[in-house]
Amino acid sequence: NINPICEYSVEKGEVESYGRLFTAKIYELGE
């Protein structure tokens, strides 16, 4: 189950980048 929780920005000097942060509960891992 994966759910978006918020958006974020990282500012490093003159550069700012944006992303979306998710949480995930994994029930089964494969290869």
PDB file of all heavy atoms in Angstrom:
ATOM      1  N   ASN A   1       0.882  -1.175   0.000  1.00  0.00           N
ATOM      2  CA  ASN A   1       0.000   0.000   0.000  1.00  0.00           C
ATOM      3  C   ASN A   1       0.912   1.216   0.000  1.00  0.00           C
ATOM      4  O   ASN A   1       1.795   1.324   0.859  1.00  0.00           O
ATOM      5  CB  ASN A   1      -0.885   0.040   1.254  1.00  0.00           C
ATOM      6  CG  ASN A   1      -2.029  -0.938   1.179  1.00  0.00           C
ATOM      7  OD1 ASN A   1      -2.459  -1.324   0.107  1.00  0.00           O
ATOM      8  ND2 ASN A   1      -2.529  -1.337   2.337  1.00  0.00           N
ATOM      9  N   ILE A   2       0.698   2.105  -0.956  1.00  0.00           N
ATOM     10  CA  ILE A   2       1.505   3.316  -1.053  1.00  0.00           C
ATOM     11  C   ILE A   2       0.571   4.519  -1.041  1.00  0.00           C
ATOM     12  O   ILE A   2      -0.482   4.485  -1.692  1.00  0.00           O
ATOM     13  CB  ILE A   2       2.404   3.296  -2.311  1.00  0.00           C
ATOM     14  CG1 ILE A   2       3.310   4.531  -2.366  1.00  0.00           C
ATOM     15  CG2 ILE A   2       1.588   3.132  -3.571  1.00  0.00           C
ATOM     16  CD1 ILE A   2       4.372   4.462  -3.449  1.00  0.00           C
ATOM     17  N   ASN A   3       0.953   5.541  -0.281  1.00  0.00           N
ATOM     18  CA  ASN A   3       0.119   6.735  -0.165  1.00  0.00           C
ATOM     19  C   ASN A   3       0.972   7.994  -0.218  1.00  0.00           C
ATOM     20  O   ASN A   3       1.974   8.086   0.494  1.00  0.00           O
ATOM     21  CB  ASN A   3      -0.642   6.729   1.169  1.00  0.00           C
ATOM     22  CG  ASN A   3      -1.623   5.592   1.250  1.00  0.00           C
ATOM     23  OD1 ASN A   3      -2.555   5.521   0.470  1.00  0.00           O
ATOM     24  ND2 ASN A   3      -1.396   4.679   2.181  1.00  0.00           N
ATOM     25  N   PRO A   4       0.569   8.968  -1.032  1.00  0.00           N
ATOM     26  CA  PRO A   4       1.268  10.251  -1.008  1.00  0.00           C
ATOM     27  C   PRO A   4       0.919  10.981   0.284  1.00  0.00           C
ATOM     28  O   PRO A   4      -0.227  10.937   0.734  1.00  0.00           O
ATOM     29  CB  PRO A   4       0.714  10.983  -2.231  1.00  0.00           C
ATOM     30  CG  PRO A   4      -0.636  10.383  -2.458  1.00  0.00           C
ATOM     31  CD  PRO A   4      -0.543   8.963  -1.980  1.00  0.00           C
ATOM     32  N   ILE A   5       1.920  11.624   0.910  1.00  0.00           N
ATOM     33  CA  ILE A   5       1.626  12.341   2.156  1.00  0.00           C
ATOM     34  C   ILE A   5       1.872  13.840   2.061  1.00  0.00           C
ATOM     35  O   ILE A   5       1.211  14.607   2.736  1.00  0.00           O
ATOM     36  CB  ILE A   5       2.375  11.750   3.367  1.00  0.00           C
ATOM     37  CG1 ILE A   5       3.875  11.768   3.152  1.00  0.00           C
ATOM     38  CG2 ILE A   5       1.883  10.355   3.664  1.00  0.00           C
ATOM     39  CD1 ILE A   5       4.654  11.471   4.416  1.00  0.00           C
ATOM     40  N   CYS A   6       2.827  14.253   1.236  1.00  0.00           N
ATOM     41  CA  CYS A   6       3.084  15.685   1.095  1.00  0.00           C
ATOM     42  C   CYS A   6       4.032  15.909  -0.077  1.00  0.00           C
ATOM     43  O   CYS A   6       4.542  14.967  -0.673  1.00  0.00           O
ATOM     44  CB  CYS A   6       3.684  16.274   2.379  1.00  0.00           C
ATOM     45  SG  CYS A   6       5.349  15.703   2.746  1.00  0.00           S
ATOM     46  N   GLU A   7       4.250  17.159  -0.358  1.00  0.00           N
ATOM     47  CA  GLU A   7       5.249  17.545  -1.333  1.00  0.00           C
ATOM     48  C   GLU A   7       6.362  18.256  -0.584  1.00  0.00           C
ATOM     49  O   GLU A   7       6.165  18.693   0.551  1.00  0.00           O
ATOM     50  CB  GLU A   7       4.603  18.418  -2.408  1.00  0.00           C
ATOM     51  CG  GLU A   7       3.753  17.543  -3.306  1.00  0.00           C
ATOM     52  CD  GLU A   7       2.541  18.209  -3.918  1.00  0.00           C
ATOM     53  OE1 GLU A   7       2.347  19.419  -3.757  1.00  0.00           O
ATOM     54  OE2 GLU A   7       1.764  17.477  -4.556  1.00  0.00           O
ATOM     55  N   TYR A   8       7.521  18.338  -1.191  1.00  0.00           N
ATOM     56  CA  TYR A   8       8.665  18.952  -0.515  1.00  0.00           C
ATOM     57  C   TYR A   8       9.535  19.675  -1.532  1.00  0.00           C
ATOM     58  O   TYR A   8       9.452  19.432  -2.740  1.00  0.00           O
ATOM     59  CB  TYR A   8       9.488  17.900   0.246  1.00  0.00           C
ATOM     60  CG  TYR A   8      10.202  16.931  -0.658  1.00  0.00           C
ATOM     61  CD1 TYR A   8      11.507  17.194  -1.087  1.00  0.00           C
ATOM     62  CD2 TYR A   8       9.587  15.776  -1.116  1.00  0.00           C
ATOM     63  CE1 TYR A   8      12.160  16.321  -1.946  1.00  0.00           C
ATOM     64  CE2 TYR A   8      10.232  14.902  -1.971  1.00  0.00           C
ATOM     65  CZ  TYR A   8      11.527  15.179  -2.377  1.00  0.00           C
ATOM     66  OH  TYR A   8      12.170  14.327  -3.231  1.00  0.00           O
ATOM     67  N   SER A   9      10.361  20.563  -1.013  1.00  0.00           N
ATOM     68  CA  SER A   9      11.369  21.205  -1.855  1.00  0.00           C
ATOM     69  C   SER A   9      12.699  21.169  -1.120  1.00  0.00           C
ATOM     70  O   SER A   9      12.753  21.189   0.106  1.00  0.00           O
ATOM     71  CB  SER A   9      10.986  22.651  -2.178  1.00  0.00           C
ATOM     72  OG  SER A   9      10.971  23.437  -1.007  1.00  0.00           O
ATOM     73  N   VAL A  10      13.750  21.086  -1.907  1.00  0.00           N
ATOM     74  CA  VAL A  10      15.109  21.149  -1.388  1.00  0.00           C
ATOM     75  C   VAL A  10      15.795  22.284  -2.120  1.00  0.00           C
ATOM     76  O   VAL A  10      15.870  22.283  -3.354  1.00  0.00           O
ATOM     77  CB  VAL A  10      15.876  19.830  -1.612  1.00  0.00           C
ATOM     78  CG1 VAL A  10      17.317  19.964  -1.144  1.00  0.00           C
ATOM     79  CG2 VAL A  10      15.179  18.676  -0.907  1.00  0.00           C
ATOM     80  N   GLU A  11      16.247  23.262  -1.353  1.00  0.00           N
ATOM     81  CA  GLU A  11      16.955  24.404  -1.935  1.00  0.00           C
ATOM     82  C   GLU A  11      18.423  24.293  -1.565  1.00  0.00           C
ATOM     83  O   GLU A  11      18.782  24.229  -0.391  1.00  0.00           O
ATOM     84  CB  GLU A  11      16.380  25.713  -1.386  1.00  0.00           C
ATOM     85  CG  GLU A  11      16.963  26.939  -2.027  1.00  0.00           C
ATOM     86  CD  GLU A  11      16.344  28.211  -1.462  1.00  0.00           C
ATOM     87  OE1 GLU A  11      15.128  28.218  -1.190  1.00  0.00           O
ATOM     88  OE2 GLU A  11      17.104  29.178  -1.272  1.00  0.00           O
ATOM     89  N   LYS A  12      19.243  24.222  -2.593  1.00  0.00           N
ATOM     90  CA  LYS A  12      20.684  24.098  -2.411  1.00  0.00           C
ATOM     91  C   LYS A  12      21.336  25.168  -3.272  1.00  0.00           C
ATOM     92  O   LYS A  12      21.379  25.038  -4.491  1.00  0.00           O
ATOM     93  CB  LYS A  12      21.126  22.692  -2.834  1.00  0.00           C
ATOM     94  CG  LYS A  12      22.441  22.252  -2.316  1.00  0.00           C
ATOM     95  CD  LYS A  12      22.654  20.788  -2.639  1.00  0.00           C
ATOM     96  CE  LYS A  12      23.968  20.320  -2.081  1.00  0.00           C
ATOM     97  NZ  LYS A  12      24.206  18.912  -2.373  1.00  0.00           N
ATOM     98  N   GLY A  13      21.767  26.238  -2.625  1.00  0.00           N
ATOM     99  CA  GLY A  13      22.307  27.365  -3.379  1.00  0.00           C
ATOM    100  C   GLY A  13      21.222  28.008  -4.205  1.00  0.00           C
ATOM    101  O   GLY A  13      20.158  28.351  -3.712  1.00  0.00           O
ATOM    102  N   GLU A  14      21.459  28.131  -5.497  1.00  0.00           N
ATOM    103  CA  GLU A  14      20.494  28.736  -6.415  1.00  0.00           C
ATOM    104  C   GLU A  14      19.487  27.725  -6.963  1.00  0.00           C
ATOM    105  O   GLU A  14      18.549  28.090  -7.657  1.00  0.00           O
ATOM    106  CB  GLU A  14      21.237  29.382  -7.593  1.00  0.00           C
ATOM    107  CG  GLU A  14      22.167  30.510  -7.185  1.00  0.00           C
ATOM    108  CD  GLU A  14      21.407  31.728  -6.717  1.00  0.00           C
ATOM    109  OE1 GLU A  14      20.411  32.107  -7.372  1.00  0.00           O
ATOM    110  OE2 GLU A  14      21.799  32.300  -5.686  1.00  0.00           O
ATOM    111  N   VAL A  15      19.713  26.444  -6.681  1.00  0.00           N
ATOM    112  CA  VAL A  15      18.881  25.387  -7.264  1.00  0.00           C
ATOM    113  C   VAL A  15      17.830  24.909  -6.261  1.00  0.00           C
ATOM    114  O   VAL A  15      18.146  24.612  -5.116  1.00  0.00           O
ATOM    115  CB  VAL A  15      19.756  24.188  -7.701  1.00  0.00           C
ATOM    116  CG1 VAL A  15      18.897  23.070  -8.273  1.00  0.00           C
ATOM    117  CG2 VAL A  15      20.808  24.628  -8.703  1.00  0.00           C
ATOM    118  N   GLU A  16      16.579  24.849  -6.714  1.00  0.00           N
ATOM    119  CA  GLU A  16      15.492  24.338  -5.888  1.00  0.00           C
ATOM    120  C   GLU A  16      14.806  23.216  -6.666  1.00  0.00           C
ATOM    121  O   GLU A  16      14.472  23.375  -7.826  1.00  0.00           O
ATOM    122  CB  GLU A  16      14.493  25.442  -5.558  1.00  0.00           C
ATOM    123  CG  GLU A  16      13.439  25.018  -4.565  1.00  0.00           C
ATOM    124  CD  GLU A  16      12.618  26.196  -4.049  1.00  0.00           C
ATOM    125  OE1 GLU A  16      12.450  27.191  -4.780  1.00  0.00           O
ATOM    126  OE2 GLU A  16      12.150  26.100  -2.909  1.00  0.00           O
ATOM    127  N   SER A  17      14.648  22.064  -6.014  1.00  0.00           N
ATOM    128  CA  SER A  17      13.967  20.944  -6.661  1.00  0.00           C
ATOM    129  C   SER A  17      12.791  20.512  -5.800  1.00  0.00           C
ATOM    130  O   SER A  17      12.794  20.688  -4.583  1.00  0.00           O
ATOM    131  CB  SER A  17      14.934  19.783  -6.898  1.00  0.00           C
ATOM    132  OG  SER A  17      15.510  19.362  -5.689  1.00  0.00           O
ATOM    133  N   TYR A  18      11.788  19.936  -6.459  1.00  0.00           N
ATOM    134  CA  TYR A  18      10.547  19.550  -5.793  1.00  0.00           C
ATOM    135  C   TYR A  18      10.278  18.068  -6.000  1.00  0.00           C
ATOM    136  O   TYR A  18      10.627  17.500  -7.030  1.00  0.00           O
ATOM    137  CB  TYR A  18       9.365  20.340  -6.368  1.00  0.00           C
ATOM    138  CG  TYR A  18       9.401  21.802  -6.060  1.00  0.00           C
ATOM    139  CD1 TYR A  18      10.092  22.685  -6.876  1.00  0.00           C
ATOM    140  CD2 TYR A  18       8.744  22.309  -4.951  1.00  0.00           C
ATOM    141  CE1 TYR A  18      10.122  24.040  -6.596  1.00  0.00           C
ATOM    142  CE2 TYR A  18       8.767  23.656  -4.659  1.00  0.00           C
ATOM    143  CZ  TYR A  18       9.463  24.523  -5.487  1.00  0.00           C
ATOM    144  OH  TYR A  18       9.496  25.852  -5.194  1.00  0.00           O
ATOM    145  N   GLY A  19       9.607  17.482  -5.011  1.00  0.00           N
ATOM    146  CA  GLY A  19       9.230  16.091  -5.114  1.00  0.00           C
ATOM    147  C   GLY A  19       7.991  15.803  -4.291  1.00  0.00           C
ATOM    148  O   GLY A  19       7.472  16.671  -3.591  1.00  0.00           O
ATOM    149  N   ARG A  20       7.510  14.572  -4.400  1.00  0.00           N
ATOM    150  CA  ARG A  20       6.381  14.120  -3.592  1.00  0.00           C
ATOM    151  C   ARG A  20       6.890  13.007  -2.686  1.00  0.00           C
ATOM    152  O   ARG A  20       7.602  12.106  -3.140  1.00  0.00           O
ATOM    153  CB  ARG A  20       5.248  13.616  -4.478  1.00  0.00           C
ATOM    154  CG  ARG A  20       4.048  13.125  -3.643  1.00  0.00           C
ATOM    155  CD  ARG A  20       2.805  12.964  -4.472  1.00  0.00           C
ATOM    156  NE  ARG A  20       2.245  14.277  -4.783  1.00  0.00           N
ATOM    157  CZ  ARG A  20       1.269  14.470  -5.666  1.00  0.00           C
ATOM    158  NH1 ARG A  20       0.748  13.448  -6.324  1.00  0.00           N
ATOM    159  NH2 ARG A  20       0.800  15.678  -5.902  1.00  0.00           N
ATOM    160  N   LEU A  21       6.521  13.088  -1.423  1.00  0.00           N
ATOM    161  CA  LEU A  21       6.901  12.093  -0.433  1.00  0.00           C
ATOM    162  C   LEU A  21       5.732  11.141  -0.215  1.00  0.00           C
ATOM    163  O   LEU A  21       4.585  11.580  -0.052  1.00  0.00           O
ATOM    164  CB  LEU A  21       7.284  12.787   0.881  1.00  0.00           C
ATOM    165  CG  LEU A  21       7.697  11.897   2.052  1.00  0.00           C
ATOM    166  CD1 LEU A  21       8.936  11.069   1.721  1.00  0.00           C
ATOM    167  CD2 LEU A  21       7.952  12.762   3.292  1.00  0.00           C
ATOM    168  N   PHE A  22       6.041   9.860  -0.220  1.00  0.00           N
ATOM    169  CA  PHE A  22       5.061   8.794  -0.036  1.00  0.00           C
ATOM    170  C   PHE A  22       5.435   7.954   1.185  1.00  0.00           C
ATOM    171  O   PHE A  22       6.597   7.920   1.582  1.00  0.00           O
ATOM    172  CB  PHE A  22       5.063   7.841  -1.245  1.00  0.00           C
ATOM    173  CG  PHE A  22       4.674   8.455  -2.543  1.00  0.00           C
ATOM    174  CD1 PHE A  22       5.597   9.181  -3.291  1.00  0.00           C
ATOM    175  CD2 PHE A  22       3.397   8.291  -3.046  1.00  0.00           C
ATOM    176  CE1 PHE A  22       5.245   9.736  -4.513  1.00  0.00           C
ATOM    177  CE2 PHE A  22       3.036   8.841  -4.278  1.00  0.00           C
ATOM    178  CZ  PHE A  22       3.962   9.571  -5.005  1.00  0.00           C
ATOM    179  N   THR A  23       4.461   7.250   1.713  1.00  0.00           N
ATOM    180  CA  THR A  23       4.734   6.167   2.650  1.00  0.00           C
ATOM    181  C   THR A  23       4.232   4.891   2.001  1.00  0.00           C
ATOM    182  O   THR A  23       3.253   4.910   1.252  1.00  0.00           O
ATOM    183  CB  THR A  23       4.040   6.357   4.015  1.00  0.00           C
ATOM    184  OG1 THR A  23       2.627   6.436   3.811  1.00  0.00           O
ATOM    185  CG2 THR A  23       4.533   7.601   4.730  1.00  0.00           C
ATOM    186  N   ALA A  24       4.917   3.804   2.282  1.00  0.00           N
ATOM    187  CA  ALA A  24       4.494   2.516   1.742  1.00  0.00           C
ATOM    188  C   ALA A  24       4.679   1.438   2.800  1.00  0.00           C
ATOM    189  O   ALA A  24       5.710   1.389   3.470  1.00  0.00           O
ATOM    190  CB  ALA A  24       5.295   2.155   0.499  1.00  0.00           C
ATOM    191  N   LYS A  25       3.672   0.617   2.924  1.00  0.00           N
ATOM    192  CA  LYS A  25       3.767  -0.582   3.753  1.00  0.00           C
ATOM    193  C   LYS A  25       3.852  -1.749   2.784  1.00  0.00           C
ATOM    194  O   LYS A  25       2.925  -1.975   1.997  1.00  0.00           O
ATOM    195  CB  LYS A  25       2.571  -0.714   4.684  1.00  0.00           C
ATOM    196  CG  LYS A  25       2.690  -1.887   5.615  1.00  0.00           C
ATOM    197  CD  LYS A  25       1.646  -1.864   6.700  1.00  0.00           C
ATOM    198  CE  LYS A  25       1.931  -3.011   7.647  1.00  0.00           C
ATOM    199  NZ  LYS A  25       1.517  -2.725   8.987  1.00  0.00           N
ATOM    200  N   ILE A  26       4.967  -2.452   2.830  1.00  0.00           N
ATOM    201  CA  ILE A  26       5.198  -3.562   1.919  1.00  0.00           C
ATOM    202  C   ILE A  26       4.799  -4.859   2.616  1.00  0.00           C
ATOM    203  O   ILE A  26       5.204  -5.110   3.753  1.00  0.00           O
ATOM    204  CB  ILE A  26       6.681  -3.598   1.480  1.00  0.00           C
ATOM    205  CG1 ILE A  26       7.037  -2.297   0.750  1.00  0.00           C
ATOM    206  CG2 ILE A  26       6.955  -4.813   0.591  1.00  0.00           C
ATOM    207  CD1 ILE A  26       8.518  -2.124   0.474  1.00  0.00           C
ATOM    208  N   TYR A  27       4.020  -5.665   1.919  1.00  0.00           N
ATOM    209  CA  TYR A  27       3.565  -6.946   2.464  1.00  0.00           C
ATOM    210  C   TYR A  27       4.322  -8.129   1.872  1.00  0.00           C
ATOM    211  O   TYR A  27       4.429  -9.173   2.510  1.00  0.00           O
ATOM    212  CB  TYR A  27       2.063  -7.125   2.214  1.00  0.00           C
ATOM    213  CG  TYR A  27       1.242  -6.031   2.843  1.00  0.00           C
ATOM    214  CD1 TYR A  27       0.719  -5.002   2.071  1.00  0.00           C
ATOM    215  CD2 TYR A  27       1.021  -6.007   4.213  1.00  0.00           C
ATOM    216  CE1 TYR A  27      -0.023  -3.980   2.647  1.00  0.00           C
ATOM    217  CE2 TYR A  27       0.280  -4.989   4.796  1.00  0.00           C
ATOM    218  CZ  TYR A  27      -0.234  -3.988   4.008  1.00  0.00           C
ATOM    219  OH  TYR A  27      -0.954  -2.966   4.573  1.00  0.00           O
ATOM    220  N   GLU A  28       4.803  -7.954   0.639  1.00  0.00           N
ATOM    221  CA  GLU A  28       5.533  -9.052   0.002  1.00  0.00           C
ATOM    222  C   GLU A  28       6.636  -8.488  -0.882  1.00  0.00           C
ATOM    223  O   GLU A  28       6.398  -7.589  -1.696  1.00  0.00           O
ATOM    224  CB  GLU A  28       4.581  -9.895  -0.850  1.00  0.00           C
ATOM    225  CG  GLU A  28       5.249 -11.079  -1.504  1.00  0.00           C
ATOM    226  CD  GLU A  28       4.316 -11.903  -2.372  1.00  0.00           C
ATOM    227  OE1 GLU A  28       3.091 -11.638  -2.384  1.00  0.00           O
ATOM    228  OE2 GLU A  28       4.817 -12.813  -3.050  1.00  0.00           O
ATOM    229  N   LEU A  29       7.835  -9.031  -0.703  1.00  0.00           N
ATOM    230  CA  LEU A  29       8.972  -8.664  -1.538  1.00  0.00           C
ATOM    231  C   LEU A  29       9.271  -9.798  -2.503  1.00  0.00           C
ATOM    232  O   LEU A  29       9.252 -10.971  -2.118  1.00  0.00           O
ATOM    233  CB  LEU A  29      10.218  -8.396  -0.681  1.00  0.00           C
ATOM    234  CG  LEU A  29      10.230  -7.113   0.133  1.00  0.00           C
ATOM    235  CD1 LEU A  29      11.419  -7.093   1.080  1.00  0.00           C
ATOM    236  CD2 LEU A  29      10.258  -5.902  -0.781  1.00  0.00           C
ATOM    237  N   GLY A  30       9.558  -9.431  -3.730  1.00  0.00           N
ATOM    238  CA  GLY A  30       9.960 -10.410  -4.736  1.00  0.00           C
ATOM    239  C   GLY A  30      11.435 -10.236  -5.036  1.00  0.00           C
ATOM    240  O   GLY A  30      12.181  -9.621  -4.268  1.00  0.00           O
ATOM    241  N   GLU A  31      11.828 -10.722  -6.182  1.00  0.00           N
ATOM    242  CA  GLU A  31      13.216 -10.601  -6.606  1.00  0.00           C
ATOM    243  C   GLU A  31      13.521  -9.145  -6.959  1.00  0.00           C
ATOM    244  O   GLU A  31      12.722  -8.462  -7.588  1.00  0.00           O
ATOM    245  CB  GLU A  31      13.445 -11.495  -7.827  1.00  0.00           C
ATOM    246  CG  GLU A  31      14.885 -11.617  -8.221  1.00  0.00           C
ATOM    247  CD  GLU A  31      15.081 -12.644  -9.323  1.00  0.00           C
ATOM    248  OE1 GLU A  31      14.425 -13.706  -9.260  1.00  0.00           O
ATOM    249  OE2 GLU A  31      15.872 -12.369 -10.233  1.00  0.00           O
TER     250      GLU A  31
END
